[in-house]
Amino acid sequence: MSNTEDPPPKEDVESPATENPTPVETGTGFGGASITRRWRREDLLKRGSLALRGLALLFSLLAFIIMASNKHGDWKNFDKYEEYRYLLAIAILSTLYSGAQVLRQVHELSTGKQLLEKRTSAMVDFFGDQFVAYLLVSSASSAVPLTNRMREGTDNIFTDSSAAAISMGFFAFISLALSALISGYKLSTQSYI
């Protein structure tokens, strides 16, 4: 009589699951696959940061051009309002900062040589992105109430141009804020030994 609860006899051949796994198979990060994943991630971060700063450059430049050309005579000149002058000044500053960062990153990607030490570059990126992003959102938020008050009385090309410049400043802020997140990640992964 056979017992149905007895396990079946073991085969002499071991299954691949019982073999000793290599470090790559266990995911401990000691193999070539983990190195190539890290290189891909670093390359993606570099290209993503460059794209975000390129967008910030574009939006800042548009905010600068739109606000600087917002002169339509009488009370419809941007330079009569300090909120709009502030927006213009920060758009110029953001354009210069973003342009310098884009040029530096393009140079580093094309030549493979760092202009600054890696740790210094990470700190400049992080603090610069945050500083300029906060200035952009500050300038946009200071100009919004003035534009809204003007639009209550009259909606014309002056208020439309002002709103467009404010929107471009806000989009530049979003781009630099996302770039600051990437810069913060890069800064946090630096070794300080």
N, C-alpha and C. Protein backbone atom coordinates (compact mmCIF):
# COMPACT_ATOMS: atom_id res chain seq x y z
N MET A 1 0.83 -1.15 0.00
CA MET A 1 0.00 0.00 0.00
C MET A 1 0.89 1.24 0.00
N SER A 2 0.55 2.21 -0.78
CA SER A 2 1.38 3.41 -0.85
C SER A 2 0.77 4.52 -0.03
N ASN A 3 1.64 5.27 0.52
CA ASN A 3 1.22 6.41 1.34
C ASN A 3 1.16 7.65 0.45
N THR A 4 0.00 8.30 0.40
CA THR A 4 -0.17 9.45 -0.48
C THR A 4 0.47 10.71 0.09
N GLU A 5 0.86 10.65 1.35
CA GLU A 5 1.46 11.84 1.95
C GLU A 5 2.97 11.87 1.80
N ASP A 6 3.58 10.81 1.33
CA ASP A 6 5.03 10.80 1.15
C ASP A 6 5.41 11.69 -0.03
N PRO A 7 6.47 12.46 0.11
CA PRO A 7 6.91 13.30 -1.01
C PRO A 7 7.52 12.44 -2.11
N PRO A 8 7.46 12.94 -3.34
CA PRO A 8 8.06 12.17 -4.43
C PRO A 8 9.57 12.15 -4.26
N PRO A 9 10.23 11.14 -4.81
CA PRO A 9 11.69 11.04 -4.67
C PRO A 9 12.36 12.20 -5.40
N LYS A 10 13.47 12.69 -4.81
CA LYS A 10 14.22 13.80 -5.41
C LYS A 10 15.05 13.29 -6.56
N GLU A 11 15.17 14.17 -7.56
CA GLU A 11 16.00 13.82 -8.70
C GLU A 11 17.43 14.19 -8.37
N ASP A 12 18.36 13.56 -9.05
CA ASP A 12 19.78 13.80 -8.81
C ASP A 12 20.24 15.13 -9.41
N VAL A 13 19.51 15.67 -10.35
CA VAL A 13 19.91 16.91 -11.00
C VAL A 13 19.33 18.09 -10.21
N GLU A 14 20.22 19.07 -9.88
CA GLU A 14 19.74 20.25 -9.16
C GLU A 14 19.14 21.23 -10.14
N SER A 15 18.14 21.92 -9.69
CA SER A 15 17.51 22.91 -10.55
C SER A 15 18.36 24.20 -10.52
N PRO A 16 18.24 25.02 -11.56
CA PRO A 16 19.03 26.26 -11.61
C PRO A 16 18.72 27.20 -10.45
N ALA A 17 17.56 27.10 -9.82
CA ALA A 17 17.22 27.99 -8.73
C ALA A 17 18.04 27.71 -7.48
N THR A 18 18.59 26.49 -7.35
CA THR A 18 19.36 26.17 -6.16
C THR A 18 20.84 26.43 -6.33
N GLU A 19 21.26 26.82 -7.53
CA GLU A 19 22.68 27.13 -7.72
C GLU A 19 23.01 28.40 -6.97
N ASN A 20 24.29 28.59 -6.68
CA ASN A 20 24.71 29.81 -6.00
C ASN A 20 24.57 30.99 -6.96
N PRO A 21 23.76 31.97 -6.59
CA PRO A 21 23.58 33.11 -7.49
C PRO A 21 24.80 34.03 -7.44
N THR A 22 25.06 34.65 -8.57
CA THR A 22 26.14 35.63 -8.63
C THR A 22 25.62 36.95 -8.08
N PRO A 23 26.50 37.89 -7.72
CA PRO A 23 26.02 39.17 -7.20
C PRO A 23 25.12 39.94 -8.17
N VAL A 24 25.33 39.75 -9.47
CA VAL A 24 24.49 40.44 -10.45
C VAL A 24 23.06 39.92 -10.36
N GLU A 25 22.91 38.61 -10.17
CA GLU A 25 21.58 38.02 -10.12
C GLU A 25 20.83 38.42 -8.85
N THR A 26 21.55 38.65 -7.76
CA THR A 26 20.87 39.01 -6.52
C THR A 26 20.58 40.50 -6.44
N GLY A 27 21.13 41.29 -7.33
CA GLY A 27 20.84 42.72 -7.34
C GLY A 27 21.64 43.51 -6.32
N THR A 28 22.78 42.97 -5.88
CA THR A 28 23.57 43.69 -4.89
C THR A 28 24.37 44.82 -5.50
N GLY A 29 24.48 44.88 -6.81
CA GLY A 29 25.13 46.01 -7.45
C GLY A 29 26.61 45.85 -7.68
N PHE A 30 27.11 44.61 -7.74
CA PHE A 30 28.53 44.41 -7.95
C PHE A 30 28.88 44.01 -9.38
N GLY A 31 27.90 43.88 -10.24
CA GLY A 31 28.16 43.40 -11.58
C GLY A 31 28.19 44.49 -12.62
N GLY A 32 28.49 44.09 -13.82
CA GLY A 32 28.56 45.03 -14.93
C GLY A 32 27.22 45.63 -15.28
N ALA A 33 26.14 44.88 -15.08
CA ALA A 33 24.81 45.39 -15.40
C ALA A 33 24.45 46.58 -14.52
N SER A 34 24.82 46.52 -13.25
CA SER A 34 24.49 47.65 -12.36
C SER A 34 25.31 48.88 -12.71
N ILE A 35 26.52 48.68 -13.18
CA ILE A 35 27.35 49.82 -13.59
C ILE A 35 26.77 50.49 -14.82
N THR A 36 26.33 49.71 -15.79
CA THR A 36 25.75 50.31 -16.99
C THR A 36 24.42 50.99 -16.67
N ARG A 37 23.63 50.42 -15.73
CA ARG A 37 22.39 51.09 -15.31
C ARG A 37 22.70 52.45 -14.67
N ARG A 38 23.73 52.50 -13.84
CA ARG A 38 24.11 53.76 -13.19
C ARG A 38 24.58 54.77 -14.23
N TRP A 39 25.36 54.33 -15.21
CA TRP A 39 25.82 55.24 -16.28
C TRP A 39 24.64 55.77 -17.08
N ARG A 40 23.68 54.91 -17.39
CA ARG A 40 22.49 55.35 -18.12
C ARG A 40 21.69 56.35 -17.31
N ARG A 41 21.55 56.09 -16.00
CA ARG A 41 20.82 57.00 -15.13
C ARG A 41 21.52 58.35 -15.05
N GLU A 42 22.85 58.35 -14.91
CA GLU A 42 23.60 59.61 -14.86
C GLU A 42 23.49 60.36 -16.18
N ASP A 43 23.54 59.64 -17.29
CA ASP A 43 23.41 60.28 -18.61
C ASP A 43 22.02 60.86 -18.78
N LEU A 44 21.00 60.13 -18.33
CA LEU A 44 19.63 60.63 -18.41
C LEU A 44 19.45 61.88 -17.55
N LEU A 45 20.05 61.90 -16.37
CA LEU A 45 19.97 63.07 -15.50
C LEU A 45 20.66 64.28 -16.14
N LYS A 46 21.82 64.04 -16.76
CA LYS A 46 22.52 65.15 -17.43
C LYS A 46 21.70 65.71 -18.57
N ARG A 47 21.14 64.85 -19.38
CA ARG A 47 20.35 65.31 -20.52
C ARG A 47 19.02 65.94 -20.07
N GLY A 48 18.43 65.39 -19.04
CA GLY A 48 17.20 65.97 -18.51
C GLY A 48 17.43 67.34 -17.92
N SER A 49 18.52 67.49 -17.20
CA SER A 49 18.87 68.78 -16.63
C SER A 49 19.15 69.80 -17.73
N LEU A 50 19.83 69.37 -18.77
CA LEU A 50 20.10 70.26 -19.91
C LEU A 50 18.79 70.68 -20.60
N ALA A 51 17.88 69.74 -20.78
CA ALA A 51 16.60 70.06 -21.42
C ALA A 51 15.79 71.03 -20.58
N LEU A 52 15.75 70.82 -19.27
CA LEU A 52 15.00 71.72 -18.39
C LEU A 52 15.61 73.11 -18.37
N ARG A 53 16.93 73.18 -18.34
CA ARG A 53 17.57 74.50 -18.37
C ARG A 53 17.39 75.17 -19.73
N GLY A 54 17.35 74.38 -20.79
CA GLY A 54 17.08 74.94 -22.11
C GLY A 54 15.67 75.53 -22.17
N LEU A 55 14.71 74.83 -21.57
CA LEU A 55 13.34 75.36 -21.51
C LEU A 55 13.29 76.63 -20.66
N ALA A 56 14.02 76.62 -19.54
CA ALA A 56 14.05 77.82 -18.69
C ALA A 56 14.66 78.99 -19.45
N LEU A 57 15.68 78.72 -20.25
CA LEU A 57 16.29 79.77 -21.07
C LEU A 57 15.28 80.31 -22.08
N LEU A 58 14.57 79.43 -22.74
CA LEU A 58 13.58 79.84 -23.73
C LEU A 58 12.47 80.67 -23.09
N PHE A 59 11.91 80.18 -21.98
CA PHE A 59 10.81 80.89 -21.33
C PHE A 59 11.28 82.23 -20.74
N SER A 60 12.47 82.26 -20.17
CA SER A 60 12.99 83.51 -19.62
C SER A 60 13.24 84.53 -20.73
N LEU A 61 13.78 84.06 -21.83
CA LEU A 61 14.03 84.95 -22.95
C LEU A 61 12.72 85.50 -23.51
N LEU A 62 11.70 84.65 -23.60
CA LEU A 62 10.39 85.11 -24.07
C LEU A 62 9.78 86.12 -23.11
N ALA A 63 9.89 85.87 -21.80
CA ALA A 63 9.37 86.82 -20.82
C ALA A 63 10.08 88.16 -20.95
N PHE A 64 11.39 88.11 -21.14
CA PHE A 64 12.18 89.32 -21.30
C PHE A 64 11.77 90.09 -22.56
N ILE A 65 11.66 89.41 -23.67
CA ILE A 65 11.32 90.07 -24.95
C ILE A 65 9.90 90.62 -24.91
N ILE A 66 8.96 89.84 -24.41
CA ILE A 66 7.56 90.29 -24.38
C ILE A 66 7.41 91.51 -23.47
N MET A 67 8.04 91.46 -22.29
CA MET A 67 7.88 92.60 -21.38
C MET A 67 8.65 93.82 -21.88
N ALA A 68 9.82 93.64 -22.45
CA ALA A 68 10.60 94.78 -22.94
C ALA A 68 9.90 95.47 -24.12
N SER A 69 9.14 94.72 -24.88
CA SER A 69 8.45 95.32 -26.03
C SER A 69 7.03 95.77 -25.68
N ASN A 70 6.68 95.74 -24.42
CA ASN A 70 5.33 96.09 -23.98
C ASN A 70 5.23 97.61 -23.74
N LYS A 71 5.38 98.37 -24.80
CA LYS A 71 5.26 99.84 -24.75
C LYS A 71 4.24 100.25 -25.80
N HIS A 72 3.13 100.79 -25.32
CA HIS A 72 2.06 101.16 -26.23
C HIS A 72 1.59 102.59 -26.02
N GLY A 73 2.41 103.42 -25.39
CA GLY A 73 2.09 104.83 -25.21
C GLY A 73 1.24 105.11 -23.99
N ASP A 74 1.35 106.36 -23.49
CA ASP A 74 0.61 106.87 -22.35
C ASP A 74 0.81 105.96 -21.13
N TRP A 75 -0.25 105.47 -20.51
CA TRP A 75 -0.13 104.64 -19.33
C TRP A 75 0.21 103.19 -19.66
N LYS A 76 0.29 102.88 -20.94
CA LYS A 76 0.52 101.49 -21.36
C LYS A 76 2.00 101.22 -21.66
N ASN A 77 2.89 101.71 -20.81
CA ASN A 77 4.32 101.41 -20.90
C ASN A 77 4.72 100.62 -19.66
N PHE A 78 5.42 99.52 -19.87
CA PHE A 78 5.78 98.67 -18.74
C PHE A 78 6.66 99.41 -17.74
N ASP A 79 7.50 100.34 -18.20
CA ASP A 79 8.45 100.99 -17.30
C ASP A 79 7.82 101.99 -16.33
N LYS A 80 6.52 102.23 -16.43
CA LYS A 80 5.81 103.08 -15.48
C LYS A 80 5.39 102.30 -14.23
N TYR A 81 5.58 100.97 -14.24
CA TYR A 81 5.13 100.12 -13.13
C TYR A 81 6.31 99.32 -12.61
N GLU A 82 6.56 99.48 -11.29
CA GLU A 82 7.73 98.80 -10.73
C GLU A 82 7.58 97.28 -10.73
N GLU A 83 6.37 96.76 -10.68
CA GLU A 83 6.18 95.31 -10.73
C GLU A 83 6.66 94.74 -12.06
N TYR A 84 6.37 95.46 -13.14
CA TYR A 84 6.79 95.01 -14.46
C TYR A 84 8.30 95.19 -14.66
N ARG A 85 8.85 96.24 -14.09
CA ARG A 85 10.32 96.42 -14.16
C ARG A 85 11.02 95.29 -13.41
N TYR A 86 10.45 94.91 -12.27
CA TYR A 86 11.01 93.79 -11.50
C TYR A 86 10.94 92.49 -12.30
N LEU A 87 9.81 92.26 -12.93
CA LEU A 87 9.65 91.06 -13.77
C LEU A 87 10.69 91.06 -14.90
N LEU A 88 10.90 92.21 -15.52
CA LEU A 88 11.88 92.32 -16.59
C LEU A 88 13.29 92.06 -16.08
N ALA A 89 13.65 92.64 -14.94
CA ALA A 89 14.99 92.44 -14.37
C ALA A 89 15.25 90.98 -14.05
N ILE A 90 14.28 90.31 -13.45
CA ILE A 90 14.46 88.90 -13.10
C ILE A 90 14.48 88.04 -14.36
N ALA A 91 13.71 88.40 -15.38
CA ALA A 91 13.75 87.65 -16.65
C ALA A 91 15.13 87.77 -17.28
N ILE A 92 15.74 88.96 -17.21
CA ILE A 92 17.11 89.13 -17.74
C ILE A 92 18.09 88.29 -16.94
N LEU A 93 18.00 88.34 -15.61
CA LEU A 93 18.89 87.55 -14.76
C LEU A 93 18.73 86.06 -15.02
N SER A 94 17.49 85.61 -15.15
CA SER A 94 17.22 84.19 -15.42
C SER A 94 17.75 83.78 -16.79
N THR A 95 17.61 84.66 -17.78
CA THR A 95 18.12 84.36 -19.12
C THR A 95 19.64 84.20 -19.08
N LEU A 96 20.32 85.10 -18.37
CA LEU A 96 21.79 85.02 -18.28
C LEU A 96 22.23 83.76 -17.53
N TYR A 97 21.58 83.47 -16.41
CA TYR A 97 21.94 82.28 -15.63
C TYR A 97 21.68 81.01 -16.43
N SER A 98 20.49 80.89 -17.00
CA SER A 98 20.14 79.68 -17.76
C SER A 98 21.03 79.53 -18.99
N GLY A 99 21.33 80.62 -19.65
CA GLY A 99 22.21 80.56 -20.82
C GLY A 99 23.60 80.10 -20.45
N ALA A 100 24.14 80.61 -19.34
CA ALA A 100 25.47 80.18 -18.89
C ALA A 100 25.47 78.70 -18.51
N GLN A 101 24.42 78.25 -17.84
CA GLN A 101 24.34 76.85 -17.45
C GLN A 101 24.20 75.93 -18.68
N VAL A 102 23.40 76.36 -19.64
CA VAL A 102 23.24 75.55 -20.86
C VAL A 102 24.57 75.46 -21.60
N LEU A 103 25.27 76.57 -21.74
CA LEU A 103 26.57 76.54 -22.42
C LEU A 103 27.56 75.64 -21.69
N ARG A 104 27.58 75.72 -20.35
CA ARG A 104 28.49 74.87 -19.57
C ARG A 104 28.15 73.39 -19.77
N GLN A 105 26.86 73.06 -19.72
CA GLN A 105 26.48 71.66 -19.85
C GLN A 105 26.72 71.14 -21.27
N VAL A 106 26.47 71.96 -22.27
CA VAL A 106 26.74 71.53 -23.64
C VAL A 106 28.23 71.30 -23.82
N HIS A 107 29.04 72.18 -23.26
CA HIS A 107 30.50 72.00 -23.34
C HIS A 107 30.93 70.70 -22.66
N GLU A 108 30.38 70.43 -21.48
CA GLU A 108 30.74 69.21 -20.75
C GLU A 108 30.27 67.96 -21.47
N LEU A 109 29.09 68.00 -22.07
CA LEU A 109 28.60 66.83 -22.80
C LEU A 109 29.37 66.59 -24.09
N SER A 110 29.77 67.66 -24.76
CA SER A 110 30.45 67.49 -26.04
C SER A 110 31.93 67.15 -25.87
N THR A 111 32.60 67.71 -24.87
CA THR A 111 34.03 67.43 -24.69
C THR A 111 34.30 66.36 -23.66
N GLY A 112 33.37 66.16 -22.73
CA GLY A 112 33.59 65.19 -21.66
C GLY A 112 34.45 65.74 -20.54
N LYS A 113 34.80 67.03 -20.58
CA LYS A 113 35.63 67.65 -19.56
C LYS A 113 34.77 68.56 -18.69
N GLN A 114 34.98 68.47 -17.40
CA GLN A 114 34.25 69.31 -16.45
C GLN A 114 34.94 70.67 -16.35
N LEU A 115 34.16 71.76 -16.39
CA LEU A 115 34.72 73.09 -16.19
C LEU A 115 34.96 73.36 -14.70
N LEU A 116 34.10 72.81 -13.87
CA LEU A 116 34.22 72.94 -12.42
C LEU A 116 34.38 71.55 -11.82
N GLU A 117 34.90 71.51 -10.61
CA GLU A 117 34.97 70.24 -9.90
C GLU A 117 33.55 69.71 -9.72
N LYS A 118 33.39 68.40 -9.74
CA LYS A 118 32.06 67.79 -9.73
C LYS A 118 31.22 68.23 -8.52
N ARG A 119 31.83 68.26 -7.35
CA ARG A 119 31.11 68.64 -6.14
C ARG A 119 30.73 70.13 -6.19
N THR A 120 31.67 70.97 -6.63
CA THR A 120 31.39 72.41 -6.76
C THR A 120 30.29 72.65 -7.78
N SER A 121 30.35 71.94 -8.88
CA SER A 121 29.34 72.07 -9.92
C SER A 121 27.96 71.69 -9.39
N ALA A 122 27.89 70.63 -8.61
CA ALA A 122 26.61 70.19 -8.05
C ALA A 122 26.04 71.23 -7.09
N MET A 123 26.90 71.86 -6.30
CA MET A 123 26.43 72.88 -5.37
C MET A 123 25.98 74.15 -6.10
N VAL A 124 26.75 74.57 -7.11
CA VAL A 124 26.37 75.75 -7.89
C VAL A 124 25.05 75.50 -8.60
N ASP A 125 24.89 74.32 -9.18
CA ASP A 125 23.64 73.98 -9.87
C ASP A 125 22.46 74.04 -8.91
N PHE A 126 22.59 73.40 -7.77
CA PHE A 126 21.48 73.30 -6.83
C PHE A 126 21.08 74.67 -6.28
N PHE A 127 22.05 75.41 -5.75
CA PHE A 127 21.73 76.70 -5.15
C PHE A 127 21.36 77.74 -6.19
N GLY A 128 22.01 77.70 -7.35
CA GLY A 128 21.67 78.64 -8.42
C GLY A 128 20.28 78.41 -8.96
N ASP A 129 19.93 77.15 -9.20
CA ASP A 129 18.59 76.82 -9.70
C ASP A 129 17.51 77.28 -8.71
N GLN A 130 17.74 77.00 -7.43
CA GLN A 130 16.74 77.38 -6.43
C GLN A 130 16.63 78.89 -6.32
N PHE A 131 17.74 79.59 -6.27
CA PHE A 131 17.73 81.03 -6.11
C PHE A 131 17.00 81.71 -7.27
N VAL A 132 17.35 81.34 -8.49
CA VAL A 132 16.72 81.96 -9.65
C VAL A 132 15.26 81.55 -9.77
N ALA A 133 14.93 80.31 -9.42
CA ALA A 133 13.53 79.87 -9.47
C ALA A 133 12.68 80.68 -8.48
N TYR A 134 13.19 80.90 -7.28
CA TYR A 134 12.43 81.69 -6.31
C TYR A 134 12.28 83.14 -6.76
N LEU A 135 13.31 83.70 -7.39
CA LEU A 135 13.19 85.05 -7.92
C LEU A 135 12.13 85.12 -9.03
N LEU A 136 12.10 84.10 -9.88
CA LEU A 136 11.11 84.08 -10.96
C LEU A 136 9.68 84.01 -10.42
N VAL A 137 9.44 83.16 -9.46
CA VAL A 137 8.08 83.05 -8.93
C VAL A 137 7.72 84.31 -8.15
N SER A 138 8.68 84.92 -7.52
CA SER A 138 8.42 86.18 -6.81
C SER A 138 8.05 87.30 -7.78
N SER A 139 8.78 87.41 -8.87
CA SER A 139 8.48 88.47 -9.84
C SER A 139 7.13 88.24 -10.52
N ALA A 140 6.84 86.99 -10.84
CA ALA A 140 5.56 86.70 -11.48
C ALA A 140 4.40 86.97 -10.52
N SER A 141 4.56 86.58 -9.27
CA SER A 141 3.47 86.79 -8.32
C SER A 141 3.30 88.26 -7.95
N SER A 142 4.34 89.07 -8.08
CA SER A 142 4.17 90.50 -7.80
C SER A 142 3.46 91.23 -8.94
N ALA A 143 3.58 90.72 -10.16
CA ALA A 143 2.96 91.38 -11.31
C ALA A 143 1.52 90.93 -11.56
N VAL A 144 1.13 89.81 -11.02
CA VAL A 144 -0.23 89.30 -11.26
C VAL A 144 -1.31 90.23 -10.71
N PRO A 145 -1.24 90.71 -9.46
CA PRO A 145 -2.31 91.58 -8.97
C PRO A 145 -2.49 92.86 -9.79
N LEU A 146 -1.38 93.46 -10.20
CA LEU A 146 -1.47 94.67 -11.00
C LEU A 146 -2.16 94.40 -12.33
N THR A 147 -1.81 93.31 -12.97
CA THR A 147 -2.42 92.96 -14.25
C THR A 147 -3.91 92.66 -14.07
N ASN A 148 -4.26 91.96 -13.01
CA ASN A 148 -5.68 91.67 -12.75
C ASN A 148 -6.49 92.95 -12.52
N ARG A 149 -5.92 93.91 -11.78
CA ARG A 149 -6.62 95.18 -11.56
C ARG A 149 -6.81 95.93 -12.87
N MET A 150 -5.79 95.92 -13.72
CA MET A 150 -5.89 96.61 -15.01
C MET A 150 -6.92 95.93 -15.91
N ARG A 151 -7.00 94.63 -15.85
CA ARG A 151 -7.94 93.89 -16.71
C ARG A 151 -9.38 94.09 -16.29
N GLU A 152 -9.61 94.47 -15.03
CA GLU A 152 -10.98 94.75 -14.59
C GLU A 152 -11.54 95.97 -15.31
N GLY A 153 -10.67 96.97 -15.53
CA GLY A 153 -11.12 98.18 -16.20
C GLY A 153 -11.07 98.04 -17.71
N THR A 154 -9.96 97.56 -18.23
CA THR A 154 -9.76 97.48 -19.67
C THR A 154 -8.92 96.24 -19.99
N ASP A 155 -9.35 95.54 -21.00
CA ASP A 155 -8.57 94.39 -21.48
C ASP A 155 -8.06 94.76 -22.86
N ASN A 156 -6.75 95.00 -22.95
CA ASN A 156 -6.18 95.45 -24.22
C ASN A 156 -4.85 94.74 -24.47
N ILE A 157 -4.14 95.18 -25.48
CA ILE A 157 -2.89 94.53 -25.86
C ILE A 157 -1.84 94.66 -24.77
N PHE A 158 -1.88 95.76 -24.01
CA PHE A 158 -0.92 95.96 -22.92
C PHE A 158 -1.11 94.91 -21.83
N THR A 159 -2.34 94.71 -21.41
CA THR A 159 -2.59 93.72 -20.36
C THR A 159 -2.39 92.29 -20.87
N ASP A 160 -2.69 92.07 -22.14
CA ASP A 160 -2.46 90.74 -22.72
C ASP A 160 -0.95 90.43 -22.78
N SER A 161 -0.16 91.41 -23.19
CA SER A 161 1.29 91.22 -23.24
C SER A 161 1.86 91.01 -21.84
N SER A 162 1.34 91.75 -20.88
CA SER A 162 1.79 91.59 -19.50
C SER A 162 1.48 90.18 -18.99
N ALA A 163 0.27 89.73 -19.28
CA ALA A 163 -0.12 88.38 -18.86
C ALA A 163 0.75 87.31 -19.54
N ALA A 164 1.09 87.53 -20.80
CA ALA A 164 1.94 86.58 -21.51
C ALA A 164 3.35 86.54 -20.90
N ALA A 165 3.89 87.71 -20.56
CA ALA A 165 5.22 87.74 -19.94
C ALA A 165 5.20 87.08 -18.57
N ILE A 166 4.14 87.30 -17.81
CA ILE A 166 4.00 86.66 -16.50
C ILE A 166 3.93 85.14 -16.66
N SER A 167 3.18 84.68 -17.66
CA SER A 167 3.07 83.23 -17.91
C SER A 167 4.42 82.62 -18.27
N MET A 168 5.17 83.31 -19.12
CA MET A 168 6.50 82.81 -19.50
C MET A 168 7.43 82.77 -18.29
N GLY A 169 7.34 83.77 -17.42
CA GLY A 169 8.14 83.76 -16.19
C GLY A 169 7.77 82.60 -15.29
N PHE A 170 6.47 82.30 -15.22
CA PHE A 170 6.03 81.17 -14.40
C PHE A 170 6.49 79.84 -14.99
N PHE A 171 6.44 79.70 -16.32
CA PHE A 171 6.94 78.47 -16.95
C PHE A 171 8.44 78.31 -16.75
N ALA A 172 9.17 79.43 -16.78
CA ALA A 172 10.62 79.37 -16.50
C ALA A 172 10.85 78.92 -15.07
N PHE A 173 10.00 79.38 -14.15
CA PHE A 173 10.10 78.94 -12.76
C PHE A 173 9.90 77.43 -12.65
N ILE A 174 8.88 76.91 -13.31
CA ILE A 174 8.62 75.46 -13.24
C ILE A 174 9.81 74.68 -13.78
N SER A 175 10.38 75.13 -14.89
CA SER A 175 11.53 74.44 -15.47
C SER A 175 12.73 74.44 -14.52
N LEU A 176 13.01 75.59 -13.92
CA LEU A 176 14.15 75.66 -13.00
C LEU A 176 13.86 74.93 -11.69
N ALA A 177 12.61 74.89 -11.25
CA ALA A 177 12.28 74.15 -10.04
C ALA A 177 12.50 72.65 -10.26
N LEU A 178 12.11 72.14 -11.42
CA LEU A 178 12.36 70.73 -11.73
C LEU A 178 13.86 70.46 -11.88
N SER A 179 14.56 71.41 -12.47
CA SER A 179 16.02 71.28 -12.59
C SER A 179 16.67 71.28 -11.20
N ALA A 180 16.12 72.06 -10.27
CA ALA A 180 16.64 72.07 -8.90
C ALA A 180 16.44 70.72 -8.22
N LEU A 181 15.35 70.02 -8.55
CA LEU A 181 15.15 68.67 -8.00
C LEU A 181 16.24 67.73 -8.49
N ILE A 182 16.56 67.80 -9.78
CA ILE A 182 17.63 66.97 -10.33
C ILE A 182 18.96 67.35 -9.70
N SER A 183 19.20 68.65 -9.57
CA SER A 183 20.45 69.12 -8.96
C SER A 183 20.56 68.67 -7.51
N GLY A 184 19.44 68.68 -6.79
CA GLY A 184 19.44 68.21 -5.42
C GLY A 184 19.75 66.72 -5.33
N TYR A 185 19.22 65.95 -6.27
CA TYR A 185 19.53 64.52 -6.30
C TYR A 185 21.02 64.31 -6.57
N LYS A 186 21.56 65.06 -7.54
CA LYS A 186 22.99 64.93 -7.84
C LYS A 186 23.85 65.32 -6.65
N LEU A 187 23.44 66.37 -5.95
CA LEU A 187 24.19 66.83 -4.78
C LEU A 187 24.13 65.80 -3.67
N SER A 188 23.00 65.15 -3.50
CA SER A 188 22.85 64.17 -2.42
C SER A 188 23.63 62.88 -2.70
N THR A 189 23.94 62.61 -3.95
CA THR A 189 24.67 61.38 -4.26
C THR A 189 26.19 61.59 -4.33
N GLN A 190 26.64 62.82 -4.08
CA GLN A 190 28.08 63.08 -4.10
C GLN A 190 28.72 62.47 -2.87
N SER A 191 29.93 61.94 -3.03
CA SER A 191 30.67 61.44 -1.88
C SER A 191 31.55 62.58 -1.39
N TYR A 192 31.60 62.76 -0.09
CA TYR A 192 32.34 63.86 0.50
C TYR A 192 33.60 63.39 1.20
N ILE A 193 34.10 62.26 0.77
CA ILE A 193 35.33 61.70 1.38
C ILE A 193 36.52 62.14 0.58
